[in-house]
C-alpha atoms as a PDB file:
ATOM      1  CA  MET A   1     -18.365  -7.587   1.217  1.00  0.00           C
ATOM      2  CA  ILE A   2     -14.953  -6.579   2.569  1.00  0.00           C
ATOM      3  CA  PHE A   3     -13.272  -8.201   5.554  1.00  0.00           C
ATOM      4  CA  LEU A   4     -10.191  -6.654   7.064  1.00  0.00           C
ATOM      5  CA  HIS A   5      -9.015  -9.817   8.777  1.00  0.00           C
ATOM      6  CA  CYS A   6      -5.302 -10.285   8.466  1.00  0.00           C
ATOM      7  CA  LYS A   7      -2.184  -8.243   8.960  1.00  0.00           C
ATOM      8  CA  PHE A   8      -1.206  -8.584   5.293  1.00  0.00           C
ATOM      9  CA  ALA A   9      -4.535  -7.183   4.070  1.00  0.00           C
ATOM     10  CA  SER A  10      -4.344  -4.330   6.574  1.00  0.00           C
ATOM     11  CA  GLU A  11      -0.793  -3.429   5.624  1.00  0.00           C
ATOM     12  CA  THR A  12      -1.631  -3.679   1.923  1.00  0.00           C
ATOM     13  CA  LEU A  13      -4.574  -1.334   2.369  1.00  0.00           C
ATOM     14  CA  THR A  14      -2.488   1.217   4.276  1.00  0.00           C
ATOM     15  CA  VAL A  15       0.346   1.052   1.725  1.00  0.00           C
ATOM     16  CA  SER A  16      -2.101   1.379  -1.185  1.00  0.00           C
ATOM     17  CA  ILE A  17      -3.802   4.430   0.280  1.00  0.00           C
ATOM     18  CA  LEU A  18      -0.450   6.058   1.075  1.00  0.00           C
ATOM     19  CA  ARG A  19       0.828   5.330  -2.471  1.00  0.00           C
ATOM     20  CA  TRP A  20      -2.358   6.790  -3.974  1.00  0.00           C
ATOM     21  CA  THR A  21      -1.970   9.872  -1.722  1.00  0.00           C
ATOM     22  CA  ARG A  22       1.623  10.386  -2.956  1.00  0.00           C
ATOM     23  CA  GLU A  23       0.541  10.001  -6.577  1.00  0.00           C
ATOM     24  CA  GLU A  24      -2.345  12.423  -6.120  1.00  0.00           C
ATOM     25  CA  GLU A  25      -0.098  15.002  -4.431  1.00  0.00           C
ATOM     26  CA  ASN A  26       2.361  14.735  -7.316  1.00  0.00           C
ATOM     27  CA  ARG A  27      -0.467  15.215  -9.837  1.00  0.00           C
ATOM     28  CA  ILE A  28      -1.707  18.232  -7.910  1.00  0.00           C
ATOM     29  CA  LYS A  29       1.769  19.820  -7.925  1.00  0.00           C
ATOM     30  CA  GLU A  30       2.242  19.167 -11.656  1.00  0.00           C
ATOM     31  CA  ASN A  31      -1.116  20.802 -12.494  1.00  0.00           C
ATOM     32  CA  ASN A  32      -0.830  23.664  -9.968  1.00  0.00           C
ATOM     33  CA  ASP A  33      -4.053  22.409  -8.469  1.00  0.00           C
ATOM     34  CA  ARG A  34      -5.396  22.769  -4.931  1.00  0.00           C
ATOM     35  CA  ASN A  35      -3.696  20.951  -2.105  1.00  0.00           C
ATOM     36  CA  LEU A  36      -4.912  17.596  -0.867  1.00  0.00           C
ATOM     37  CA  LYS A  37      -6.353  18.084   2.617  1.00  0.00           C
ATOM     38  CA  CYS A  38      -7.972  14.848   3.671  1.00  0.00           C
ATOM     39  CA  ILE A  39      -8.639  11.234   2.780  1.00  0.00           C
ATOM     40  CA  ILE A  40     -12.235  10.091   3.043  1.00  0.00           C
ATOM     41  CA  LEU A  41     -12.523   6.355   3.700  1.00  0.00           C
ATOM     42  CA  ASP A  42     -16.027   5.091   2.894  1.00  0.00           C
ATOM     43  CA  MET A  43     -16.558   2.106   5.189  1.00  0.00           C
ATOM     44  CA  THR A  44     -20.106   1.296   4.084  1.00  0.00           C
ATOM     45  CA  ALA A  45     -19.129  -2.096   2.666  1.00  0.00           C
ATOM     46  CA  VAL A  46     -16.943  -3.088   5.633  1.00  0.00           C
ATOM     47  CA  SER A  47     -19.078  -5.581   7.527  1.00  0.00           C
ATOM     48  CA  SER A  48     -16.394  -6.750   9.958  1.00  0.00           C
ATOM     49  CA  ILE A  49     -13.101  -5.487  11.292  1.00  0.00           C
ATOM     50  CA  ASP A  50     -10.581  -7.179  13.557  1.00  0.00           C
ATOM     51  CA  THR A  51      -7.631  -5.963  15.622  1.00  0.00           C
ATOM     52  CA  SER A  52      -5.276  -5.770  12.642  1.00  0.00           C
ATOM     53  CA  GLY A  53      -7.834  -3.750  10.680  1.00  0.00           C
ATOM     54  CA  ILE A  54      -8.222  -1.323  13.591  1.00  0.00           C
ATOM     55  CA  GLU A  55      -4.451  -1.071  13.861  1.00  0.00           C
ATOM     56  CA  ALA A  56      -4.329  -0.301  10.134  1.00  0.00           C
ATOM     57  CA  VAL A  57      -6.781   2.572  10.624  1.00  0.00           C
ATOM     58  CA  PHE A  58      -4.693   3.925  13.513  1.00  0.00           C
ATOM     59  CA  GLU A  59      -1.492   3.617  11.474  1.00  0.00           C
ATOM     60  CA  LEU A  60      -3.063   5.227   8.412  1.00  0.00           C
ATOM     61  CA  ARG A  61      -4.284   8.139  10.536  1.00  0.00           C
ATOM     62  CA  ARG A  62      -0.860   8.549  12.147  1.00  0.00           C
ATOM     63  CA  ARG A  63       0.960   8.511   8.799  1.00  0.00           C
ATOM     64  CA  LEU A  64      -1.489  10.879   7.142  1.00  0.00           C
ATOM     65  CA  GLU A  65      -1.169  13.318  10.036  1.00  0.00           C
ATOM     66  CA  LYS A  66       2.608  13.359   9.471  1.00  0.00           C
ATOM     67  CA  GLN A  67       1.778  14.604   5.965  1.00  0.00           C
ATOM     68  CA  SER A  68      -0.692  17.184   7.360  1.00  0.00           C
ATOM     69  CA  LEU A  69      -3.664  15.213   5.980  1.00  0.00           C
ATOM     70  CA  GLN A  70      -6.853  14.393   7.817  1.00  0.00           C
ATOM     71  CA  LEU A  71      -8.413  10.937   7.824  1.00  0.00           C
ATOM     72  CA  VAL A  72     -12.222  10.902   7.668  1.00  0.00           C
ATOM     73  CA  LEU A  73     -14.309   7.761   8.091  1.00  0.00           C
ATOM     74  CA  VAL A  74     -17.743   7.481   6.497  1.00  0.00           C
ATOM     75  CA  ASN A  75     -20.558   5.197   7.586  1.00  0.00           C
ATOM     76  CA  PRO A  76     -18.859   2.498   9.641  1.00  0.00           C
ATOM     77  CA  VAL A  77     -21.839   0.280  10.478  1.00  0.00           C
ATOM     78  CA  GLY A  78     -22.882  -2.112  13.248  1.00  0.00           C
ATOM     79  CA  SER A  79     -20.070  -4.071  14.846  1.00  0.00           C
ATOM     80  CA  VAL A  80     -17.457  -2.084  12.910  1.00  0.00           C
ATOM     81  CA  MET A  81     -18.636   1.137  14.584  1.00  0.00           C
ATOM     82  CA  GLU A  82     -18.710  -0.557  17.972  1.00  0.00           C
ATOM     83  CA  LYS A  83     -15.137  -1.855  17.605  1.00  0.00           C
ATOM     84  CA  LEU A  84     -13.845   1.489  16.350  1.00  0.00           C
ATOM     85  CA  HIS A  85     -15.545   3.208  19.318  1.00  0.00           C
ATOM     86  CA  LYS A  86     -14.066   0.723  21.808  1.00  0.00           C
ATOM     87  CA  SER A  87     -10.622   1.172  20.300  1.00  0.00           C
ATOM     88  CA  LYS A  88     -10.877   4.957  20.789  1.00  0.00           C
ATOM     89  CA  ILE A  89     -10.213   5.630  17.089  1.00  0.00           C
ATOM     90  CA  ILE A  90     -13.444   7.628  16.875  1.00  0.00           C
ATOM     91  CA  GLU A  91     -12.265   9.906  19.702  1.00  0.00           C
ATOM     92  CA  SER A  92      -8.878  10.355  18.008  1.00  0.00           C
ATOM     93  CA  LEU A  93     -10.517  11.450  14.724  1.00  0.00           C
ATOM     94  CA  GLY A  94     -12.487  14.224  16.426  1.00  0.00           C
ATOM     95  CA  LEU A  95     -15.812  15.785  15.441  1.00  0.00           C
ATOM     96  CA  SER A  96     -14.836  16.260  11.805  1.00  0.00           C
ATOM     97  CA  GLY A  97     -13.552  12.721  11.394  1.00  0.00           C
ATOM     98  CA  LEU A  98     -16.773  10.736  11.201  1.00  0.00           C
ATOM     99  CA  TYR A  99     -19.771  11.191   8.873  1.00  0.00           C
ATOM    100  CA  LEU A 100     -22.805   9.202   7.696  1.00  0.00           C
ATOM    101  CA  THR A 101     -22.289   9.888   3.981  1.00  0.00           C
ATOM    102  CA  VAL A 102     -19.463  10.938   1.683  1.00  0.00           C
ATOM    103  CA  GLY A 103     -21.603  13.902   0.519  1.00  0.00           C
ATOM    104  CA  GLU A 104     -22.093  15.071   4.076  1.00  0.00           C
ATOM    105  CA  ALA A 105     -18.340  14.826   4.736  1.00  0.00           C
ATOM    106  CA  VAL A 106     -17.389  16.744   1.576  1.00  0.00           C
ATOM    107  CA  SER A 107     -20.010  19.429   2.230  1.00  0.00           C
ATOM    108  CA  ASP A 108     -19.083  19.962   5.880  1.00  0.00           C
ATOM    109  CA  LEU A 109     -15.334  19.869   5.364  1.00  0.00           C
ATOM    110  CA  SER A 110     -15.543  22.215   2.356  1.00  0.00           C
ATOM    111  CA  SER A 111     -17.631  24.687   4.366  1.00  0.00           C
ATOM    112  CA  THR A 112     -15.144  24.540   7.244  1.00  0.00           C
ATOM    113  CA  TRP A 113     -12.178  25.147   4.936  1.00  0.00           C
ATOM    114  CA  LYS A 114     -13.933  28.053   3.208  1.00  0.00           C
ATOM    115  CA  ALA A 115     -14.792  29.616   6.575  1.00  0.00           C
ATOM    116  CA  HIS A 116     -11.078  29.481   7.418  1.00  0.00           C
ATOM    117  CA  GLY A 117     -10.085  31.026   4.064  1.00  0.00           C
ATOM    118  CA  GLN A 118      -8.795  27.803   2.527  1.00  0.00           C
ATOM    119  CA  PRO A 119      -9.797  26.852  -1.010  1.00  0.00           C
END
């Protein structure tokens, strides 16, 4: 069970994801691999989220967008979904920013990129 309940945890999560993103982009460049296009955040185990957790999601989305990366949320459940909806984060992610499963997200996003000629 994961609780995003304090500013420190929220900032640590955001910093960790951004650090991983940088490392992954460097690995991709070194191996002449495909570009990183999005970060899928599986929220299945998140049973509660507070204001600082919601702010962390907003901040993560904002910082990823600056890097031309999309944030996708998967399976926020119960009160987490309600709070994300009330905070307008769901609206800001758009239609391709929220999925029920990681598999569904990967499949749909891959199809969309292929339809637009992106590998």
